[in-house]
Amino acid sequence: MAPPDSRSALSEHAGTVSGCRIAAGSTPVGEWMRFGVLGALMATDGVACAVPSAPKSRQLLALLMIDAGEFVPVDRCIAELWSADPPKTVMSTLQTYVFQIRRLLRALSGADRGELLVTRKQGYQLLLAEDDFDAHLFAAAVLAGRDAVRAGDDLRGSAEFERALRLWRGPVLADVAPSPSITAFQVELTEHRRGVLEQRIEADLRLGRHAELVGELRALVEAHPTHENTHAQLMVALHRCGRTAESLRVYERLGALLGDQLGMLPSPRLQRLCEAVRTADAVLAPPVLSTG
């Protein structure tokens, strides 16, 4: 029987940062942000607020913000805001929303920044500096964390992942009405955040922080009762704390829940992890950290 991978309780998330077009090595987290989607819609300089109060205007600003720097055609704006039932005055109404947003943004940008919302042929483009947008800062920190982990620097990797996670103020675009693109963005970023959290926990486990993680992982298991990777991480943390019986009970509870609700067993990899815990396999021993 193959032992579980000692680098990860289950497979590590990989790939580019979801929902954000940003290159590795971009500006790290730490600068003041004017614009945000990782929570309620945010557009502020700390004094003035550029978030419209009208739901459709707010929806349009959110749509432009999640595609910051990209051309957004008029036809797409209409489809997102009104679906298949636009008003007869749709063009003038859309232009009114754009005017309202542009006027609010001008209060933030100042003469030195120029126009933030520009009109292109049959569409619009929102120009945001990467340092001003929380989704870009999140992406940059995640990429920095991944680079650090690949280089074997789990301490820095964990810190970068945590820095990225601290940018979140609540559910993505929590105060914005749904549309196809906004809903897809919310789902994608929420799932991506969970993956980043798992990567941070994996790095912390490799750093020997298992005792510190138990409480956090118990809360995550309660919030996501069928999520196998979180259960696997909790099992490893408990086992390394000398709480092997509790670790096995985590597996048993998950197995019972999966059987009752879905009629299925835990994955083969989680079964192997359970056997490794049961037999005190050396692969699950706490890491030996260098003191030099």
C-alpha atoms as a PDB file:
ATOM      1  CA  MET A   1       0.000   0.000   0.000  1.00  0.00           C
ATOM      2  CA  ALA A   2       1.422   3.350  -1.042  1.00  0.00           C
ATOM      3  CA  PRO A   3       1.799   5.874   1.791  1.00  0.00           C
ATOM      4  CA  PRO A   4       0.179   9.294   1.517  1.00  0.00           C
ATOM      5  CA  ASP A   5       2.245  12.097   0.064  1.00  0.00           C
ATOM      6  CA  SER A   6       4.228  13.662   2.902  1.00  0.00           C
ATOM      7  CA  ARG A   7       4.242  17.038   1.132  1.00  0.00           C
ATOM      8  CA  SER A   8       0.456  17.313   1.171  1.00  0.00           C
ATOM      9  CA  ALA A   9      -2.471  15.671   2.903  1.00  0.00           C
ATOM     10  CA  LEU A  10      -4.139  15.536  -0.505  1.00  0.00           C
ATOM     11  CA  SER A  11      -3.166  16.918  -3.898  1.00  0.00           C
ATOM     12  CA  GLU A  12      -1.883  20.489  -3.905  1.00  0.00           C
ATOM     13  CA  HIS A  13      -3.784  23.120  -5.859  1.00  0.00           C
ATOM     14  CA  ALA A  14      -1.976  24.369  -8.930  1.00  0.00           C
ATOM     15  CA  GLY A  15      -2.482  26.661 -11.866  1.00  0.00           C
ATOM     16  CA  THR A  16      -2.786  30.359 -12.438  1.00  0.00           C
ATOM     17  CA  VAL A  17      -4.608  32.663 -10.109  1.00  0.00           C
ATOM     18  CA  SER A  18      -8.309  32.541 -10.926  1.00  0.00           C
ATOM     19  CA  GLY A  19     -10.137  35.605 -12.100  1.00  0.00           C
ATOM     20  CA  CYS A  20      -7.146  37.948 -12.231  1.00  0.00           C
ATOM     21  CA  ARG A  21      -4.830  38.734 -15.103  1.00  0.00           C
ATOM     22  CA  ILE A  22      -1.508  39.412 -13.432  1.00  0.00           C
ATOM     23  CA  ALA A  23       2.078  38.322 -13.968  1.00  0.00           C
ATOM     24  CA  ALA A  24       4.380  36.832 -11.365  1.00  0.00           C
ATOM     25  CA  GLY A  25       6.562  39.386  -9.656  1.00  0.00           C
ATOM     26  CA  SER A  26       3.938  42.144  -9.614  1.00  0.00           C
ATOM     27  CA  THR A  27       3.467  44.508  -6.721  1.00  0.00           C
ATOM     28  CA  PRO A  28       3.024  42.647  -3.400  1.00  0.00           C
ATOM     29  CA  VAL A  29       0.353  43.299  -0.826  1.00  0.00           C
ATOM     30  CA  GLY A  30       0.831  46.237   1.487  1.00  0.00           C
ATOM     31  CA  GLU A  31      -0.159  49.401  -0.350  1.00  0.00           C
ATOM     32  CA  TRP A  32      -3.381  51.363   0.199  1.00  0.00           C
ATOM     33  CA  MET A  33      -6.244  50.046  -1.927  1.00  0.00           C
ATOM     34  CA  ARG A  34      -8.905  52.232  -3.482  1.00  0.00           C
ATOM     35  CA  PHE A  35     -10.908  49.533  -5.248  1.00  0.00           C
ATOM     36  CA  GLY A  36     -12.155  46.224  -3.928  1.00  0.00           C
ATOM     37  CA  VAL A  37     -14.283  43.212  -4.775  1.00  0.00           C
ATOM     38  CA  LEU A  38     -13.136  40.893  -1.965  1.00  0.00           C
ATOM     39  CA  GLY A  39     -16.104  41.844   0.176  1.00  0.00           C
ATOM     40  CA  ALA A  40     -18.583  44.652  -0.392  1.00  0.00           C
ATOM     41  CA  LEU A  41     -17.893  46.680  -3.534  1.00  0.00           C
ATOM     42  CA  MET A  42     -15.289  49.302  -2.631  1.00  0.00           C
ATOM     43  CA  ALA A  43     -14.113  52.427  -4.436  1.00  0.00           C
ATOM     44  CA  THR A  44     -12.662  54.988  -2.058  1.00  0.00           C
ATOM     45  CA  ASP A  45      -9.651  57.116  -1.205  1.00  0.00           C
ATOM     46  CA  GLY A  46     -10.418  56.941   2.490  1.00  0.00           C
ATOM     47  CA  VAL A  47     -12.490  60.118   2.374  1.00  0.00           C
ATOM     48  CA  ALA A  48     -14.821  60.037  -0.634  1.00  0.00           C
ATOM     49  CA  CYS A  49     -16.784  56.976  -1.751  1.00  0.00           C
ATOM     50  CA  ALA A  50     -17.287  56.268  -5.452  1.00  0.00           C
ATOM     51  CA  VAL A  51     -19.662  53.313  -5.087  1.00  0.00           C
ATOM     52  CA  PRO A  52     -23.057  54.208  -6.586  1.00  0.00           C
ATOM     53  CA  SER A  53     -26.136  53.736  -4.443  1.00  0.00           C
ATOM     54  CA  ALA A  54     -28.382  52.662  -7.344  1.00  0.00           C
ATOM     55  CA  PRO A  55     -28.327  48.845  -7.757  1.00  0.00           C
ATOM     56  CA  LYS A  56     -27.853  48.857 -11.557  1.00  0.00           C
ATOM     57  CA  SER A  57     -25.039  51.420 -11.417  1.00  0.00           C
ATOM     58  CA  ARG A  58     -23.371  49.390  -8.670  1.00  0.00           C
ATOM     59  CA  GLN A  59     -23.765  46.266 -10.790  1.00  0.00           C
ATOM     60  CA  LEU A  60     -22.175  47.989 -13.786  1.00  0.00           C
ATOM     61  CA  LEU A  61     -19.215  49.223 -11.742  1.00  0.00           C
ATOM     62  CA  ALA A  62     -18.694  45.704 -10.388  1.00  0.00           C
ATOM     63  CA  LEU A  63     -18.779  44.278 -13.917  1.00  0.00           C
ATOM     64  CA  LEU A  64     -16.191  46.799 -15.112  1.00  0.00           C
ATOM     65  CA  MET A  65     -14.062  46.201 -12.033  1.00  0.00           C
ATOM     66  CA  ILE A  66     -13.843  42.420 -12.369  1.00  0.00           C
ATOM     67  CA  ASP A  67     -12.649  43.002 -15.945  1.00  0.00           C
ATOM     68  CA  ALA A  68     -10.421  45.949 -15.016  1.00  0.00           C
ATOM     69  CA  GLY A  69      -8.158  46.907 -17.893  1.00  0.00           C
ATOM     70  CA  GLU A  70     -10.243  44.930 -20.385  1.00  0.00           C
ATOM     71  CA  PHE A  71     -12.650  46.257 -23.012  1.00  0.00           C
ATOM     72  CA  VAL A  72     -16.262  45.509 -22.014  1.00  0.00           C
ATOM     73  CA  PRO A  73     -18.654  45.803 -24.996  1.00  0.00           C
ATOM     74  CA  VAL A  74     -21.949  47.643 -24.664  1.00  0.00           C
ATOM     75  CA  ASP A  75     -23.868  44.521 -25.709  1.00  0.00           C
ATOM     76  CA  ARG A  76     -22.365  42.584 -22.843  1.00  0.00           C
ATOM     77  CA  CYS A  77     -23.170  45.331 -20.339  1.00  0.00           C
ATOM     78  CA  ILE A  78     -26.794  45.242 -21.459  1.00  0.00           C
ATOM     79  CA  ALA A  79     -26.994  41.449 -21.285  1.00  0.00           C
ATOM     80  CA  GLU A  80     -25.470  41.398 -17.798  1.00  0.00           C
ATOM     81  CA  LEU A  81     -27.673  44.139 -16.351  1.00  0.00           C
ATOM     82  CA  TRP A  82     -31.004  43.330 -18.008  1.00  0.00           C
ATOM     83  CA  SER A  83     -30.655  39.773 -19.315  1.00  0.00           C
ATOM     84  CA  ALA A  84     -33.230  39.257 -22.077  1.00  0.00           C
ATOM     85  CA  ASP A  85     -35.540  42.097 -21.038  1.00  0.00           C
ATOM     86  CA  PRO A  86     -33.797  45.468 -21.533  1.00  0.00           C
ATOM     87  CA  PRO A  87     -35.921  48.624 -21.421  1.00  0.00           C
ATOM     88  CA  LYS A  88     -36.692  50.527 -24.608  1.00  0.00           C
ATOM     89  CA  THR A  89     -34.423  53.319 -23.370  1.00  0.00           C
ATOM     90  CA  VAL A  90     -31.580  50.905 -22.639  1.00  0.00           C
ATOM     91  CA  MET A  91     -28.844  52.878 -24.433  1.00  0.00           C
ATOM     92  CA  SER A  92     -29.602  56.188 -22.766  1.00  0.00           C
ATOM     93  CA  THR A  93     -30.071  54.450 -19.409  1.00  0.00           C
ATOM     94  CA  LEU A  94     -26.696  52.720 -19.715  1.00  0.00           C
ATOM     95  CA  GLN A  95     -25.031  56.002 -20.667  1.00  0.00           C
ATOM     96  CA  THR A  96     -26.577  57.615 -17.590  1.00  0.00           C
ATOM     97  CA  TYR A  97     -25.088  54.899 -15.376  1.00  0.00           C
ATOM     98  CA  VAL A  98     -21.684  55.381 -17.000  1.00  0.00           C
ATOM     99  CA  PHE A  99     -21.912  59.135 -16.462  1.00  0.00           C
ATOM    100  CA  GLN A 100     -22.778  58.638 -12.784  1.00  0.00           C
ATOM    101  CA  ILE A 101     -19.888  56.229 -12.235  1.00  0.00           C
ATOM    102  CA  ARG A 102     -17.419  58.427 -14.098  1.00  0.00           C
ATOM    103  CA  ARG A 103     -18.414  61.465 -12.032  1.00  0.00           C
ATOM    104  CA  LEU A 104     -17.884  59.535  -8.782  1.00  0.00           C
ATOM    105  CA  LEU A 105     -14.526  58.170  -9.949  1.00  0.00           C
ATOM    106  CA  ARG A 106     -13.256  61.609 -10.895  1.00  0.00           C
ATOM    107  CA  ALA A 107     -13.505  62.620  -7.248  1.00  0.00           C
ATOM    108  CA  LEU A 108     -10.959  59.893  -6.450  1.00  0.00           C
ATOM    109  CA  SER A 109      -8.571  60.003  -9.371  1.00  0.00           C
ATOM    110  CA  GLY A 110      -7.447  63.638  -9.351  1.00  0.00           C
ATOM    111  CA  ALA A 111      -5.931  65.431 -12.295  1.00  0.00           C
ATOM    112  CA  ASP A 112      -2.675  63.476 -12.073  1.00  0.00           C
ATOM    113  CA  ARG A 113      -4.379  60.113 -12.587  1.00  0.00           C
ATOM    114  CA  GLY A 114      -6.483  60.993 -15.598  1.00  0.00           C
ATOM    115  CA  GLU A 115      -9.800  59.395 -16.536  1.00  0.00           C
ATOM    116  CA  LEU A 116     -10.370  55.999 -14.912  1.00  0.00           C
ATOM    117  CA  LEU A 117     -13.455  55.014 -16.904  1.00  0.00           C
ATOM    118  CA  VAL A 118     -12.956  55.549 -20.610  1.00  0.00           C
ATOM    119  CA  THR A 119     -15.335  55.036 -23.512  1.00  0.00           C
ATOM    120  CA  ARG A 120     -14.095  52.949 -26.407  1.00  0.00           C
ATOM    121  CA  LYS A 121     -15.965  52.205 -29.609  1.00  0.00           C
ATOM    122  CA  GLN A 122     -19.098  50.363 -28.515  1.00  0.00           C
ATOM    123  CA  GLY A 123     -17.806  49.700 -25.023  1.00  0.00           C
ATOM    124  CA  TYR A 124     -16.033  50.808 -21.860  1.00  0.00           C
ATOM    125  CA  GLN A 125     -12.753  50.212 -20.064  1.00  0.00           C
ATOM    126  CA  LEU A 126     -11.941  50.742 -16.385  1.00  0.00           C
ATOM    127  CA  LEU A 127      -8.269  51.596 -15.871  1.00  0.00           C
ATOM    128  CA  LEU A 128      -7.030  50.599 -12.417  1.00  0.00           C
ATOM    129  CA  ALA A 129      -3.455  50.499 -11.186  1.00  0.00           C
ATOM    130  CA  GLU A 130      -2.626  47.040  -9.826  1.00  0.00           C
ATOM    131  CA  ASP A 131      -1.648  48.524  -6.460  1.00  0.00           C
ATOM    132  CA  ASP A 132      -5.120  50.078  -6.149  1.00  0.00           C
ATOM    133  CA  PHE A 133      -7.169  46.894  -6.643  1.00  0.00           C
ATOM    134  CA  ASP A 134      -7.543  44.205  -3.976  1.00  0.00           C
ATOM    135  CA  ALA A 135      -8.079  41.362  -6.475  1.00  0.00           C
ATOM    136  CA  HIS A 136      -4.754  42.174  -8.150  1.00  0.00           C
ATOM    137  CA  LEU A 137      -3.010  42.428  -4.787  1.00  0.00           C
ATOM    138  CA  PHE A 138      -4.505  39.077  -3.789  1.00  0.00           C
ATOM    139  CA  ALA A 139      -3.243  37.506  -7.014  1.00  0.00           C
ATOM    140  CA  ALA A 140       0.240  38.943  -6.546  1.00  0.00           C
ATOM    141  CA  ALA A 141       0.518  37.668  -2.969  1.00  0.00           C
ATOM    142  CA  VAL A 142      -0.708  34.200  -3.957  1.00  0.00           C
ATOM    143  CA  LEU A 143       1.835  33.979  -6.772  1.00  0.00           C
ATOM    144  CA  ALA A 144       4.587  35.125  -4.410  1.00  0.00           C
ATOM    145  CA  GLY A 145       3.516  32.440  -1.953  1.00  0.00           C
ATOM    146  CA  ARG A 146       3.576  29.742  -4.600  1.00  0.00           C
ATOM    147  CA  ASP A 147       6.995  30.840  -5.808  1.00  0.00           C
ATOM    148  CA  ALA A 148       8.310  30.709  -2.240  1.00  0.00           C
ATOM    149  CA  VAL A 149       6.897  27.219  -1.640  1.00  0.00           C
ATOM    150  CA  ARG A 150       8.370  25.958  -4.917  1.00  0.00           C
ATOM    151  CA  ALA A 151      11.725  27.341  -3.771  1.00  0.00           C
ATOM    152  CA  GLY A 152      11.403  25.425  -0.495  1.00  0.00           C
ATOM    153  CA  ASP A 153      10.710  28.512   1.637  1.00  0.00           C
ATOM    154  CA  ASP A 154       7.540  27.497   3.465  1.00  0.00           C
ATOM    155  CA  LEU A 155       7.945  30.249   6.051  1.00  0.00           C
ATOM    156  CA  ARG A 156       7.727  32.968   3.428  1.00  0.00           C
ATOM    157  CA  GLY A 157       5.109  31.028   1.496  1.00  0.00           C
ATOM    158  CA  SER A 158       2.834  30.807   4.524  1.00  0.00           C
ATOM    159  CA  ALA A 159       3.283  34.520   5.222  1.00  0.00           C
ATOM    160  CA  GLU A 160       2.420  35.471   1.626  1.00  0.00           C
ATOM    161  CA  PHE A 161      -0.663  33.243   1.594  1.00  0.00           C
ATOM    162  CA  GLU A 162      -1.817  34.730   4.904  1.00  0.00           C
ATOM    163  CA  ARG A 163      -1.229  38.223   3.584  1.00  0.00           C
ATOM    164  CA  ALA A 164      -3.412  37.417   0.592  1.00  0.00           C
ATOM    165  CA  LEU A 165      -6.169  36.002   2.794  1.00  0.00           C
ATOM    166  CA  ARG A 166      -6.209  39.075   5.022  1.00  0.00           C
ATOM    167  CA  LEU A 167      -7.308  41.167   2.044  1.00  0.00           C
ATOM    168  CA  TRP A 168     -10.732  39.557   2.199  1.00  0.00           C
ATOM    169  CA  ARG A 169     -13.367  41.679   3.933  1.00  0.00           C
ATOM    170  CA  GLY A 170     -16.275  39.288   3.392  1.00  0.00           C
ATOM    171  CA  PRO A 171     -18.059  37.404   0.591  1.00  0.00           C
ATOM    172  CA  VAL A 172     -17.093  38.529  -2.923  1.00  0.00           C
ATOM    173  CA  LEU A 173     -19.203  41.512  -4.055  1.00  0.00           C
ATOM    174  CA  ALA A 174     -21.566  40.893  -1.161  1.00  0.00           C
ATOM    175  CA  ASP A 175     -23.696  43.977  -1.826  1.00  0.00           C
ATOM    176  CA  VAL A 176     -24.005  43.644  -5.620  1.00  0.00           C
ATOM    177  CA  ALA A 177     -26.975  42.128  -7.462  1.00  0.00           C
ATOM    178  CA  PRO A 178     -26.092  38.954  -9.380  1.00  0.00           C
ATOM    179  CA  SER A 179     -25.491  38.694 -13.099  1.00  0.00           C
ATOM    180  CA  PRO A 180     -23.962  35.818 -15.080  1.00  0.00           C
ATOM    181  CA  SER A 181     -20.405  37.196 -14.984  1.00  0.00           C
ATOM    182  CA  ILE A 182     -20.635  38.488 -11.420  1.00  0.00           C
ATOM    183  CA  THR A 183     -21.974  35.164 -10.124  1.00  0.00           C
ATOM    184  CA  ALA A 184     -19.272  33.217 -11.967  1.00  0.00           C
ATOM    185  CA  PHE A 185     -16.623  35.553 -10.552  1.00  0.00           C
ATOM    186  CA  GLN A 186     -17.990  35.127  -7.023  1.00  0.00           C
ATOM    187  CA  VAL A 187     -17.942  31.339  -7.263  1.00  0.00           C
ATOM    188  CA  GLU A 188     -14.473  31.233  -8.823  1.00  0.00           C
ATOM    189  CA  LEU A 189     -12.839  33.595  -6.346  1.00  0.00           C
ATOM    190  CA  THR A 190     -14.514  31.947  -3.348  1.00  0.00           C
ATOM    191  CA  GLU A 191     -13.244  28.534  -4.417  1.00  0.00           C
ATOM    192  CA  HIS A 192      -9.830  29.984  -5.111  1.00  0.00           C
ATOM    193  CA  ARG A 193      -9.683  31.528  -1.647  1.00  0.00           C
ATOM    194  CA  ARG A 194     -10.393  28.132  -0.124  1.00  0.00           C
ATOM    195  CA  GLY A 195      -7.567  26.641  -2.171  1.00  0.00           C
ATOM    196  CA  VAL A 196      -5.166  29.349  -0.982  1.00  0.00           C
ATOM    197  CA  LEU A 197      -6.202  28.691   2.610  1.00  0.00           C
ATOM    198  CA  GLU A 198      -5.430  25.002   2.122  1.00  0.00           C
ATOM    199  CA  GLN A 199      -2.026  25.842   0.663  1.00  0.00           C
ATOM    200  CA  ARG A 200      -1.258  28.053   3.662  1.00  0.00           C
ATOM    201  CA  ILE A 201      -2.248  25.239   6.036  1.00  0.00           C
ATOM    202  CA  GLU A 202      -0.085  22.757   4.108  1.00  0.00           C
ATOM    203  CA  ALA A 203       2.876  25.111   4.459  1.00  0.00           C
ATOM    204  CA  ASP A 204       2.148  25.492   8.179  1.00  0.00           C
ATOM    205  CA  LEU A 205       2.015  21.717   8.618  1.00  0.00           C
ATOM    206  CA  ARG A 206       5.425  21.432   6.973  1.00  0.00           C
ATOM    207  CA  LEU A 207       6.641  24.109   9.404  1.00  0.00           C
ATOM    208  CA  GLY A 208       5.580  21.996  12.380  1.00  0.00           C
ATOM    209  CA  ARG A 209       2.677  24.244  13.391  1.00  0.00           C
ATOM    210  CA  HIS A 210       0.242  21.346  13.809  1.00  0.00           C
ATOM    211  CA  ALA A 211      -0.774  22.288  17.365  1.00  0.00           C
ATOM    212  CA  GLU A 212      -1.658  25.830  16.289  1.00  0.00           C
ATOM    213  CA  LEU A 213      -3.769  24.543  13.399  1.00  0.00           C
ATOM    214  CA  VAL A 214      -6.102  22.175  15.248  1.00  0.00           C
ATOM    215  CA  GLY A 215      -8.653  24.807  16.281  1.00  0.00           C
ATOM    216  CA  GLU A 216      -8.717  26.453  12.858  1.00  0.00           C
ATOM    217  CA  LEU A 217      -9.095  23.107  11.116  1.00  0.00           C
ATOM    218  CA  ARG A 218     -11.909  21.988  13.419  1.00  0.00           C
ATOM    219  CA  ALA A 219     -13.825  25.145  12.508  1.00  0.00           C
ATOM    220  CA  LEU A 220     -13.202  24.520   8.796  1.00  0.00           C
ATOM    221  CA  VAL A 221     -14.411  20.926   9.094  1.00  0.00           C
ATOM    222  CA  GLU A 222     -17.618  22.173  10.696  1.00  0.00           C
ATOM    223  CA  ALA A 223     -18.079  24.711   7.898  1.00  0.00           C
ATOM    224  CA  HIS A 224     -17.289  22.176   5.141  1.00  0.00           C
ATOM    225  CA  PRO A 225     -18.391  18.797   6.532  1.00  0.00           C
ATOM    226  CA  THR A 226     -17.761  16.787   3.338  1.00  0.00           C
ATOM    227  CA  HIS A 227     -14.522  18.449   2.210  1.00  0.00           C
ATOM    228  CA  GLU A 228     -11.920  15.682   2.298  1.00  0.00           C
ATOM    229  CA  ASN A 229      -8.754  17.751   2.127  1.00  0.00           C
ATOM    230  CA  THR A 230      -9.677  19.745   5.225  1.00  0.00           C
ATOM    231  CA  HIS A 231     -10.427  16.512   7.095  1.00  0.00           C
ATOM    232  CA  ALA A 232      -7.088  15.099   5.953  1.00  0.00           C
ATOM    233  CA  GLN A 233      -5.237  18.150   7.245  1.00  0.00           C
ATOM    234  CA  LEU A 234      -7.030  17.916  10.596  1.00  0.00           C
ATOM    235  CA  MET A 235      -6.196  14.207  10.847  1.00  0.00           C
ATOM    236  CA  VAL A 236      -2.505  14.928  10.253  1.00  0.00           C
ATOM    237  CA  ALA A 237      -2.460  17.809  12.747  1.00  0.00           C
ATOM    238  CA  LEU A 238      -4.165  15.758  15.483  1.00  0.00           C
ATOM    239  CA  HIS A 239      -1.929  12.747  14.896  1.00  0.00           C
ATOM    240  CA  ARG A 240       1.194  14.880  15.153  1.00  0.00           C
ATOM    241  CA  CYS A 241      -0.118  16.282  18.446  1.00  0.00           C
ATOM    242  CA  GLY A 242      -0.294  12.743  19.833  1.00  0.00           C
ATOM    243  CA  ARG A 243      -4.095  12.678  19.512  1.00  0.00           C
ATOM    244  CA  THR A 244      -4.304   9.666  17.210  1.00  0.00           C
ATOM    245  CA  ALA A 245      -7.664   8.429  18.506  1.00  0.00           C
ATOM    246  CA  GLU A 246      -9.209  11.818  17.737  1.00  0.00           C
ATOM    247  CA  SER A 247      -7.610  11.752  14.298  1.00  0.00           C
ATOM    248  CA  LEU A 248      -9.232   8.408  13.539  1.00  0.00           C
ATOM    249  CA  ARG A 249     -12.600   9.645  14.815  1.00  0.00           C
ATOM    250  CA  VAL A 250     -12.401  12.502  12.288  1.00  0.00           C
ATOM    251  CA  TYR A 251     -12.105   9.881   9.548  1.00  0.00           C
ATOM    252  CA  GLU A 252     -14.921   7.775  10.979  1.00  0.00           C
ATOM    253  CA  ARG A 253     -17.303  10.737  11.170  1.00  0.00           C
ATOM    254  CA  LEU A 254     -16.528  11.748   7.602  1.00  0.00           C
ATOM    255  CA  GLY A 255     -17.010   8.172   6.407  1.00  0.00           C
ATOM    256  CA  ALA A 256     -20.383   7.943   8.147  1.00  0.00           C
ATOM    257  CA  LEU A 257     -21.501  11.280   6.710  1.00  0.00           C
ATOM    258  CA  LEU A 258     -20.452  10.398   3.165  1.00  0.00           C
ATOM    259  CA  GLY A 259     -22.155   7.027   3.457  1.00  0.00           C
ATOM    260  CA  ASP A 260     -25.409   8.413   4.836  1.00  0.00           C
ATOM    261  CA  GLN A 261     -25.697  11.430   2.537  1.00  0.00           C
ATOM    262  CA  LEU A 262     -24.031  10.292  -0.672  1.00  0.00           C
ATOM    263  CA  GLY A 263     -23.766   6.522  -0.441  1.00  0.00           C
ATOM    264  CA  MET A 264     -20.016   6.624  -0.986  1.00  0.00           C
ATOM    265  CA  LEU A 265     -16.770   5.896   0.825  1.00  0.00           C
ATOM    266  CA  PRO A 266     -13.911   8.325   1.495  1.00  0.00           C
ATOM    267  CA  SER A 267     -11.442   8.529  -1.388  1.00  0.00           C
ATOM    268  CA  PRO A 268      -8.679   5.905  -1.658  1.00  0.00           C
ATOM    269  CA  ARG A 269      -6.130   8.533  -0.712  1.00  0.00           C
ATOM    270  CA  LEU A 270      -7.978   9.387   2.494  1.00  0.00           C
ATOM    271  CA  GLN A 271      -8.283   5.681   3.237  1.00  0.00           C
ATOM    272  CA  ARG A 272      -4.505   5.364   2.891  1.00  0.00           C
ATOM    273  CA  LEU A 273      -4.056   8.332   5.207  1.00  0.00           C
ATOM    274  CA  CYS A 274      -6.319   6.662   7.783  1.00  0.00           C
ATOM    275  CA  GLU A 275      -4.234   3.490   7.611  1.00  0.00           C
ATOM    276  CA  ALA A 276      -1.031   5.517   7.966  1.00  0.00           C
ATOM    277  CA  VAL A 277      -2.438   7.178  11.094  1.00  0.00           C
ATOM    278  CA  ARG A 278      -3.623   3.823  12.480  1.00  0.00           C
ATOM    279  CA  THR A 279      -0.190   2.237  11.997  1.00  0.00           C
ATOM    280  CA  ALA A 280       1.779   5.337  13.047  1.00  0.00           C
ATOM    281  CA  ASP A 281       3.534   5.415   9.676  1.00  0.00           C
ATOM    282  CA  ALA A 282       6.762   7.402   9.904  1.00  0.00           C
ATOM    283  CA  VAL A 283       5.742   9.450   6.861  1.00  0.00           C
ATOM    284  CA  LEU A 284       3.327  11.353   9.139  1.00  0.00           C
ATOM    285  CA  ALA A 285       5.920  12.213  11.770  1.00  0.00           C
ATOM    286  CA  PRO A 286       6.316  15.931  12.536  1.00  0.00           C
ATOM    287  CA  PRO A 287       8.953  17.600  10.348  1.00  0.00           C
ATOM    288  CA  VAL A 288      12.442  18.006  11.693  1.00  0.00           C
ATOM    289  CA  LEU A 289      13.186  21.699  11.347  1.00  0.00           C
ATOM    290  CA  SER A 290      16.639  23.163  11.006  1.00  0.00           C
ATOM    291  CA  THR A 291      17.734  25.360  13.918  1.00  0.00           C
ATOM    292  CA  GLY A 292      20.670  26.830  12.053  1.00  0.00           C
END
